[in-house]
N, C-alpha and C. Protein backbone atom coordinates (compact mmCIF):
# COMPACT_ATOMS: atom_id res chain seq x y z
N MET A 1 -11.85 -7.14 -25.16
CA MET A 1 -10.77 -7.51 -24.27
C MET A 1 -10.94 -6.75 -22.96
N GLN A 2 -10.57 -7.40 -21.87
CA GLN A 2 -10.69 -6.78 -20.55
C GLN A 2 -9.36 -6.83 -19.82
N ALA A 3 -9.26 -6.00 -18.79
CA ALA A 3 -8.10 -6.01 -17.90
C ALA A 3 -8.60 -6.08 -16.47
N ARG A 4 -8.04 -7.01 -15.72
CA ARG A 4 -8.32 -7.08 -14.29
C ARG A 4 -7.13 -6.43 -13.60
N MET A 5 -7.41 -5.42 -12.78
CA MET A 5 -6.34 -4.67 -12.14
C MET A 5 -6.50 -4.68 -10.63
N VAL A 6 -5.38 -4.72 -9.96
CA VAL A 6 -5.34 -4.56 -8.52
C VAL A 6 -4.69 -3.20 -8.28
N LEU A 7 -5.47 -2.27 -7.71
CA LEU A 7 -5.03 -0.89 -7.52
C LEU A 7 -4.83 -0.57 -6.05
N ARG A 8 -3.76 0.14 -5.75
CA ARG A 8 -3.49 0.58 -4.38
C ARG A 8 -4.40 1.77 -4.06
N ILE A 9 -5.00 1.73 -2.89
CA ILE A 9 -5.88 2.81 -2.44
C ILE A 9 -5.17 3.55 -1.32
N SER A 10 -5.14 4.88 -1.39
CA SER A 10 -4.48 5.67 -0.36
C SER A 10 -5.32 5.66 0.92
N MET A 11 -4.69 6.01 2.03
CA MET A 11 -5.40 6.06 3.29
C MET A 11 -6.54 7.09 3.23
N GLY A 12 -6.30 8.22 2.61
CA GLY A 12 -7.34 9.24 2.48
C GLY A 12 -8.56 8.73 1.73
N GLU A 13 -8.31 8.03 0.61
CA GLU A 13 -9.42 7.46 -0.16
C GLU A 13 -10.16 6.40 0.66
N ALA A 14 -9.41 5.59 1.41
CA ALA A 14 -10.04 4.55 2.23
C ALA A 14 -10.90 5.18 3.33
N LEU A 15 -10.39 6.23 3.97
CA LEU A 15 -11.17 6.91 5.02
C LEU A 15 -12.45 7.51 4.45
N ASP A 16 -12.33 8.15 3.28
CA ASP A 16 -13.53 8.71 2.63
C ASP A 16 -14.56 7.62 2.37
N ARG A 17 -14.09 6.48 1.86
CA ARG A 17 -14.99 5.37 1.54
C ARG A 17 -15.60 4.78 2.81
N ILE A 18 -14.82 4.64 3.88
CA ILE A 18 -15.33 4.13 5.16
C ILE A 18 -16.45 5.02 5.67
N PHE A 19 -16.21 6.34 5.68
CA PHE A 19 -17.23 7.26 6.19
C PHE A 19 -18.48 7.26 5.30
N TYR A 20 -18.27 7.16 3.99
CA TYR A 20 -19.41 7.09 3.07
C TYR A 20 -20.27 5.86 3.37
N LEU A 21 -19.62 4.69 3.49
CA LEU A 21 -20.36 3.45 3.74
C LEU A 21 -21.02 3.47 5.12
N LYS A 22 -20.35 4.07 6.09
CA LYS A 22 -20.93 4.16 7.44
C LYS A 22 -22.20 5.01 7.42
N ARG A 23 -22.15 6.14 6.70
CA ARG A 23 -23.34 7.01 6.58
C ARG A 23 -24.45 6.31 5.80
N LYS A 24 -24.07 5.65 4.71
CA LYS A 24 -25.05 5.00 3.84
C LYS A 24 -25.80 3.89 4.57
N HIS A 25 -25.07 3.07 5.34
CA HIS A 25 -25.68 1.89 5.95
C HIS A 25 -25.89 2.01 7.46
N GLY A 26 -25.28 3.00 8.10
CA GLY A 26 -25.42 3.15 9.54
C GLY A 26 -24.64 2.13 10.35
N TRP A 27 -23.61 1.54 9.76
CA TRP A 27 -22.82 0.54 10.48
C TRP A 27 -22.03 1.22 11.59
N ARG A 28 -21.95 0.54 12.75
CA ARG A 28 -21.25 1.11 13.91
C ARG A 28 -19.85 0.53 14.08
N GLY A 29 -19.73 -0.75 13.95
CA GLY A 29 -18.44 -1.40 14.14
C GLY A 29 -18.53 -2.86 13.73
N ILE A 30 -17.41 -3.50 13.70
CA ILE A 30 -17.38 -4.90 13.27
C ILE A 30 -17.92 -5.77 14.40
N GLY A 31 -18.95 -6.55 14.10
CA GLY A 31 -19.51 -7.48 15.08
C GLY A 31 -20.26 -6.84 16.22
N SER A 32 -20.52 -5.53 16.14
CA SER A 32 -21.17 -4.85 17.26
C SER A 32 -22.68 -5.02 17.26
N GLU A 33 -23.21 -5.53 16.18
CA GLU A 33 -24.66 -5.70 16.09
C GLU A 33 -24.97 -6.76 15.05
N GLU A 34 -26.14 -7.31 15.14
CA GLU A 34 -26.57 -8.28 14.14
C GLU A 34 -27.13 -7.52 12.95
N ILE A 35 -26.63 -7.83 11.77
CA ILE A 35 -27.10 -7.14 10.57
C ILE A 35 -27.47 -8.16 9.51
N TYR A 36 -28.39 -7.78 8.65
CA TYR A 36 -28.83 -8.62 7.54
C TYR A 36 -28.50 -7.88 6.25
N LEU A 37 -27.81 -8.57 5.37
CA LEU A 37 -27.31 -7.93 4.16
C LEU A 37 -27.74 -8.69 2.92
N ASP A 38 -28.12 -7.92 1.89
CA ASP A 38 -28.36 -8.57 0.60
C ASP A 38 -27.02 -8.61 -0.15
N GLY A 39 -27.02 -9.08 -1.39
CA GLY A 39 -25.78 -9.26 -2.15
C GLY A 39 -24.91 -8.03 -2.25
N GLY A 40 -25.49 -6.91 -2.68
CA GLY A 40 -24.71 -5.68 -2.84
C GLY A 40 -24.22 -5.13 -1.52
N GLU A 41 -25.07 -5.22 -0.50
CA GLU A 41 -24.67 -4.75 0.83
C GLU A 41 -23.56 -5.61 1.41
N LEU A 42 -23.62 -6.90 1.18
CA LEU A 42 -22.60 -7.80 1.69
C LEU A 42 -21.23 -7.45 1.10
N GLU A 43 -21.21 -7.18 -0.18
CA GLU A 43 -19.96 -6.80 -0.84
C GLU A 43 -19.40 -5.51 -0.25
N GLU A 44 -20.28 -4.53 -0.03
CA GLU A 44 -19.84 -3.27 0.57
C GLU A 44 -19.40 -3.46 2.02
N TYR A 45 -20.10 -4.33 2.75
CA TYR A 45 -19.73 -4.60 4.14
C TYR A 45 -18.34 -5.23 4.20
N MET A 46 -18.08 -6.18 3.33
CA MET A 46 -16.76 -6.84 3.30
C MET A 46 -15.66 -5.83 2.96
N GLU A 47 -15.94 -4.93 2.03
CA GLU A 47 -14.99 -3.88 1.67
C GLU A 47 -14.72 -3.00 2.89
N TRP A 48 -15.79 -2.62 3.60
CA TRP A 48 -15.70 -1.76 4.78
C TRP A 48 -14.84 -2.43 5.86
N VAL A 49 -15.10 -3.71 6.11
CA VAL A 49 -14.35 -4.46 7.13
C VAL A 49 -12.87 -4.54 6.75
N GLU A 50 -12.57 -4.82 5.48
CA GLU A 50 -11.18 -4.92 5.03
C GLU A 50 -10.44 -3.59 5.21
N MET A 51 -11.12 -2.48 4.91
CA MET A 51 -10.50 -1.17 5.09
C MET A 51 -10.26 -0.88 6.57
N LEU A 52 -11.21 -1.25 7.43
CA LEU A 52 -11.03 -1.06 8.87
C LEU A 52 -9.85 -1.88 9.38
N HIS A 53 -9.69 -3.10 8.88
CA HIS A 53 -8.55 -3.92 9.27
C HIS A 53 -7.23 -3.29 8.82
N ALA A 54 -7.20 -2.73 7.61
CA ALA A 54 -5.99 -2.07 7.11
C ALA A 54 -5.64 -0.87 7.99
N LEU A 55 -6.65 -0.11 8.42
CA LEU A 55 -6.41 1.04 9.30
C LEU A 55 -5.92 0.58 10.67
N SER A 56 -6.49 -0.49 11.17
CA SER A 56 -6.08 -1.04 12.46
C SER A 56 -4.61 -1.47 12.42
N ALA A 57 -4.21 -2.13 11.35
CA ALA A 57 -2.82 -2.56 11.19
C ALA A 57 -1.90 -1.34 11.12
N TYR A 58 -2.35 -0.28 10.46
CA TYR A 58 -1.56 0.95 10.37
C TYR A 58 -1.36 1.56 11.76
N ARG A 59 -2.42 1.58 12.55
CA ARG A 59 -2.33 2.12 13.92
C ARG A 59 -1.37 1.31 14.79
N GLU A 60 -1.18 0.04 14.44
CA GLU A 60 -0.27 -0.82 15.20
C GLU A 60 1.16 -0.76 14.66
N GLY A 61 1.40 0.13 13.71
CA GLY A 61 2.76 0.36 13.24
C GLY A 61 3.09 -0.17 11.86
N GLU A 62 2.17 -0.86 11.22
CA GLU A 62 2.44 -1.36 9.87
C GLU A 62 2.17 -0.27 8.84
N GLU A 63 2.69 -0.48 7.64
CA GLU A 63 2.43 0.45 6.55
C GLU A 63 0.97 0.28 6.11
N PHE A 64 0.32 1.39 5.73
CA PHE A 64 -1.07 1.29 5.28
C PHE A 64 -1.08 0.65 3.90
N GLU A 65 -1.79 -0.47 3.79
CA GLU A 65 -1.92 -1.16 2.50
C GLU A 65 -3.36 -1.62 2.33
N TYR A 66 -4.00 -1.10 1.29
CA TYR A 66 -5.32 -1.57 0.92
C TYR A 66 -5.41 -1.54 -0.60
N TYR A 67 -5.92 -2.61 -1.17
CA TYR A 67 -6.02 -2.73 -2.62
C TYR A 67 -7.45 -3.02 -3.04
N ARG A 68 -7.81 -2.51 -4.20
CA ARG A 68 -9.14 -2.75 -4.77
C ARG A 68 -8.94 -3.42 -6.12
N GLU A 69 -9.76 -4.42 -6.40
CA GLU A 69 -9.69 -5.09 -7.69
C GLU A 69 -10.78 -4.54 -8.60
N GLU A 70 -10.41 -4.25 -9.83
CA GLU A 70 -11.34 -3.70 -10.83
C GLU A 70 -11.17 -4.46 -12.13
N THR A 71 -12.26 -4.62 -12.85
CA THR A 71 -12.19 -5.18 -14.19
C THR A 71 -12.73 -4.12 -15.15
N LEU A 72 -11.93 -3.79 -16.15
CA LEU A 72 -12.30 -2.76 -17.12
C LEU A 72 -12.29 -3.33 -18.52
N ASP A 73 -13.18 -2.80 -19.36
CA ASP A 73 -13.13 -3.12 -20.78
C ASP A 73 -12.03 -2.28 -21.40
N LEU A 74 -11.18 -2.92 -22.17
CA LEU A 74 -10.09 -2.22 -22.85
C LEU A 74 -10.42 -2.04 -24.32
N ASP A 75 -10.43 -0.80 -24.76
CA ASP A 75 -10.58 -0.57 -26.18
C ASP A 75 -9.18 -0.44 -26.79
N GLY A 76 -9.12 -0.34 -28.08
CA GLY A 76 -7.84 -0.27 -28.77
C GLY A 76 -7.00 0.93 -28.34
N GLU A 77 -7.66 2.06 -28.11
CA GLU A 77 -6.94 3.27 -27.72
C GLU A 77 -6.26 3.10 -26.36
N CYS A 78 -7.01 2.55 -25.42
CA CYS A 78 -6.46 2.33 -24.07
C CYS A 78 -5.31 1.33 -24.12
N LEU A 79 -5.50 0.26 -24.86
CA LEU A 79 -4.48 -0.77 -24.97
C LEU A 79 -3.22 -0.22 -25.63
N SER A 80 -3.40 0.67 -26.61
CA SER A 80 -2.24 1.24 -27.31
C SER A 80 -1.42 2.15 -26.39
N LYS A 81 -2.03 2.65 -25.32
CA LYS A 81 -1.30 3.49 -24.36
C LYS A 81 -0.34 2.68 -23.49
N LEU A 82 -0.55 1.38 -23.41
CA LEU A 82 0.34 0.53 -22.61
C LEU A 82 1.53 0.08 -23.46
N THR A 83 2.38 1.04 -23.77
CA THR A 83 3.56 0.75 -24.58
C THR A 83 4.61 0.02 -23.75
N PRO A 84 5.57 -0.65 -24.40
CA PRO A 84 6.64 -1.31 -23.65
C PRO A 84 7.40 -0.36 -22.71
N LYS A 85 7.64 0.88 -23.14
CA LYS A 85 8.35 1.86 -22.30
C LYS A 85 7.52 2.21 -21.06
N ARG A 86 6.22 2.34 -21.20
CA ARG A 86 5.36 2.66 -20.05
C ARG A 86 5.25 1.46 -19.11
N ILE A 87 5.21 0.27 -19.68
CA ILE A 87 5.19 -0.93 -18.85
C ILE A 87 6.51 -1.03 -18.07
N GLU A 88 7.61 -0.67 -18.71
CA GLU A 88 8.91 -0.66 -18.02
C GLU A 88 8.88 0.32 -16.85
N ILE A 89 8.29 1.49 -17.06
CA ILE A 89 8.18 2.48 -15.97
C ILE A 89 7.36 1.90 -14.82
N LEU A 90 6.21 1.30 -15.14
CA LEU A 90 5.37 0.70 -14.10
C LEU A 90 6.13 -0.36 -13.31
N ASP A 91 6.84 -1.21 -14.03
CA ASP A 91 7.60 -2.28 -13.38
C ASP A 91 8.70 -1.70 -12.49
N THR A 92 9.39 -0.69 -12.98
CA THR A 92 10.51 -0.10 -12.23
C THR A 92 10.03 0.61 -10.97
N ILE A 93 8.98 1.42 -11.07
CA ILE A 93 8.53 2.16 -9.88
C ILE A 93 7.80 1.25 -8.89
N SER A 94 7.37 0.08 -9.35
CA SER A 94 6.73 -0.86 -8.43
C SER A 94 7.76 -1.59 -7.57
N SER A 95 8.99 -1.67 -8.05
CA SER A 95 10.02 -2.41 -7.30
C SER A 95 10.99 -1.50 -6.55
N MET A 96 11.00 -0.20 -6.87
CA MET A 96 11.92 0.74 -6.21
C MET A 96 11.19 2.04 -5.93
N ASN A 97 11.64 2.74 -4.89
CA ASN A 97 11.06 4.03 -4.54
C ASN A 97 11.93 5.14 -5.14
N PHE A 98 11.31 6.02 -5.91
CA PHE A 98 12.04 7.11 -6.55
C PHE A 98 11.57 8.44 -5.97
N GLN A 99 12.53 9.30 -5.64
CA GLN A 99 12.22 10.60 -5.05
C GLN A 99 11.91 11.66 -6.11
N SER A 100 12.23 11.35 -7.37
CA SER A 100 11.97 12.32 -8.43
C SER A 100 11.91 11.62 -9.78
N ILE A 101 11.38 12.34 -10.75
CA ILE A 101 11.33 11.83 -12.12
C ILE A 101 12.75 11.76 -12.68
N ASN A 102 13.60 12.71 -12.31
CA ASN A 102 15.00 12.70 -12.77
C ASN A 102 15.69 11.40 -12.35
N GLU A 103 15.47 11.00 -11.11
CA GLU A 103 16.08 9.76 -10.59
C GLU A 103 15.56 8.54 -11.36
N LEU A 104 14.26 8.51 -11.64
CA LEU A 104 13.67 7.42 -12.42
C LEU A 104 14.24 7.39 -13.83
N ALA A 105 14.29 8.56 -14.47
CA ALA A 105 14.81 8.64 -15.85
C ALA A 105 16.25 8.15 -15.92
N ALA A 106 17.06 8.52 -14.93
CA ALA A 106 18.45 8.07 -14.91
C ALA A 106 18.53 6.55 -14.75
N LYS A 107 17.68 5.98 -13.92
CA LYS A 107 17.69 4.54 -13.67
C LYS A 107 17.36 3.75 -14.94
N ILE A 108 16.37 4.23 -15.71
CA ILE A 108 15.96 3.48 -16.91
C ILE A 108 16.65 3.97 -18.18
N GLY A 109 17.51 4.99 -18.05
CA GLY A 109 18.29 5.47 -19.19
C GLY A 109 17.47 6.16 -20.26
N ARG A 110 16.51 6.98 -19.82
CA ARG A 110 15.66 7.70 -20.78
C ARG A 110 15.68 9.19 -20.49
N ASP A 111 15.25 9.97 -21.47
CA ASP A 111 15.14 11.41 -21.34
C ASP A 111 14.06 11.78 -20.32
N ILE A 112 14.35 12.75 -19.47
CA ILE A 112 13.44 13.17 -18.40
C ILE A 112 12.09 13.60 -18.96
N LYS A 113 12.10 14.38 -20.03
CA LYS A 113 10.85 14.88 -20.62
C LYS A 113 9.96 13.73 -21.09
N ASN A 114 10.56 12.74 -21.75
CA ASN A 114 9.78 11.60 -22.24
C ASN A 114 9.23 10.76 -21.10
N VAL A 115 10.03 10.58 -20.05
CA VAL A 115 9.56 9.83 -18.88
C VAL A 115 8.40 10.57 -18.23
N TYR A 116 8.51 11.90 -18.11
CA TYR A 116 7.43 12.70 -17.53
C TYR A 116 6.15 12.56 -18.35
N GLU A 117 6.26 12.64 -19.67
CA GLU A 117 5.08 12.51 -20.53
C GLU A 117 4.44 11.13 -20.39
N ASP A 118 5.26 10.09 -20.31
CA ASP A 118 4.73 8.74 -20.09
C ASP A 118 4.05 8.63 -18.73
N LEU A 119 4.64 9.23 -17.71
CA LEU A 119 4.03 9.21 -16.37
C LEU A 119 2.68 9.93 -16.36
N LYS A 120 2.57 11.03 -17.12
CA LYS A 120 1.29 11.75 -17.20
C LYS A 120 0.22 10.87 -17.83
N VAL A 121 0.57 10.12 -18.87
CA VAL A 121 -0.39 9.20 -19.50
C VAL A 121 -0.80 8.12 -18.50
N LEU A 122 0.18 7.56 -17.79
CA LEU A 122 -0.11 6.52 -16.80
C LEU A 122 -0.95 7.07 -15.65
N GLU A 123 -0.74 8.35 -15.32
CA GLU A 123 -1.56 8.99 -14.28
C GLU A 123 -3.01 9.14 -14.76
N GLU A 124 -3.19 9.55 -16.01
CA GLU A 124 -4.54 9.66 -16.59
C GLU A 124 -5.27 8.32 -16.59
N MET A 125 -4.50 7.24 -16.76
CA MET A 125 -5.08 5.90 -16.77
C MET A 125 -5.38 5.39 -15.35
N GLY A 126 -4.88 6.11 -14.34
CA GLY A 126 -5.11 5.72 -12.95
C GLY A 126 -4.10 4.72 -12.42
N PHE A 127 -2.98 4.56 -13.11
CA PHE A 127 -1.97 3.58 -12.71
C PHE A 127 -0.87 4.17 -11.83
N VAL A 128 -0.73 5.50 -11.88
CA VAL A 128 0.35 6.20 -11.17
C VAL A 128 -0.22 7.48 -10.59
N LYS A 129 0.33 7.90 -9.47
CA LYS A 129 0.00 9.20 -8.89
C LYS A 129 1.30 10.01 -8.87
N LEU A 130 1.24 11.24 -9.36
CA LEU A 130 2.40 12.12 -9.32
C LEU A 130 2.19 13.12 -8.18
N GLU A 131 3.05 13.03 -7.19
CA GLU A 131 2.90 13.85 -5.99
C GLU A 131 4.04 14.86 -5.92
N ARG A 132 3.66 16.14 -5.82
CA ARG A 132 4.68 17.19 -5.75
C ARG A 132 5.18 17.29 -4.31
N ARG A 133 6.51 17.25 -4.19
CA ARG A 133 7.17 17.43 -2.89
C ARG A 133 8.23 18.51 -3.08
N GLY A 134 7.87 19.72 -2.70
CA GLY A 134 8.77 20.84 -2.96
C GLY A 134 8.85 21.07 -4.45
N ARG A 135 10.07 21.06 -4.98
CA ARG A 135 10.26 21.25 -6.42
C ARG A 135 10.27 19.95 -7.19
N ARG A 136 10.25 18.84 -6.48
CA ARG A 136 10.32 17.53 -7.13
C ARG A 136 8.93 16.91 -7.29
N VAL A 137 8.82 16.08 -8.31
CA VAL A 137 7.59 15.31 -8.53
C VAL A 137 7.94 13.85 -8.27
N HIS A 138 7.21 13.27 -7.33
CA HIS A 138 7.48 11.91 -6.86
C HIS A 138 6.48 10.95 -7.51
N PRO A 139 6.93 9.97 -8.33
CA PRO A 139 6.00 9.02 -8.94
C PRO A 139 5.63 7.90 -7.95
N ILE A 140 4.33 7.72 -7.73
CA ILE A 140 3.85 6.70 -6.80
C ILE A 140 3.03 5.68 -7.58
N PRO A 141 3.42 4.41 -7.53
CA PRO A 141 2.65 3.39 -8.26
C PRO A 141 1.32 3.10 -7.56
N LEU A 142 0.24 3.08 -8.33
CA LEU A 142 -1.06 2.70 -7.80
C LEU A 142 -1.46 1.31 -8.28
N LEU A 143 -0.87 0.88 -9.36
CA LEU A 143 -1.18 -0.41 -9.96
C LEU A 143 -0.25 -1.47 -9.39
N LYS A 144 -0.83 -2.46 -8.73
CA LYS A 144 -0.02 -3.55 -8.18
C LYS A 144 0.05 -4.71 -9.16
N GLU A 145 -1.04 -4.92 -9.88
CA GLU A 145 -1.12 -6.07 -10.77
C GLU A 145 -2.10 -5.76 -11.90
N ILE A 146 -1.79 -6.27 -13.09
CA ILE A 146 -2.72 -6.15 -14.21
C ILE A 146 -2.70 -7.48 -14.97
N THR A 147 -3.89 -7.94 -15.30
CA THR A 147 -4.05 -9.18 -16.06
C THR A 147 -4.92 -8.87 -17.27
N ILE A 148 -4.43 -9.17 -18.45
CA ILE A 148 -5.21 -8.98 -19.68
C ILE A 148 -6.03 -10.24 -19.91
N ILE A 149 -7.34 -10.05 -20.09
CA ILE A 149 -8.26 -11.17 -20.30
C ILE A 149 -8.68 -11.17 -21.76
N LEU A 150 -8.32 -12.19 -22.47
CA LEU A 150 -8.64 -12.29 -23.90
C LEU A 150 -10.02 -12.91 -24.10
N GLY A 151 -10.65 -12.53 -25.21
CA GLY A 151 -11.91 -13.17 -25.58
C GLY A 151 -13.14 -12.54 -25.11
């Protein structure tokens, strides 16, 4: 069984990837030179261009948004980690912004400790980022979409 996921990429990660691809291929800018690309290079070039467009939109005042699609093989252990309660957390934090785990726990009517433990599992899976802001831990959704592929 596989899962196709659309993951949110932070601006820092996008900048790191842009600089890596620029060093690797020597690209200067979009359309600034004639280039010839094979299959793998074309895919990386398209990724590079999309990230540059996301940064350009950010500079013009929009929120930074860049997503990467990944397909992963799911084993039984990984699939068992996607419990209904964890899926509820993912759904809730994707639709609302929470300043703390306490606020999230109150919204979904669960114990703070259990919500924190579920968030740690989701963070290990790469679906959530837990960002410390002072004494609070702010849950940030990284997973925009997940599709389970059977067969």
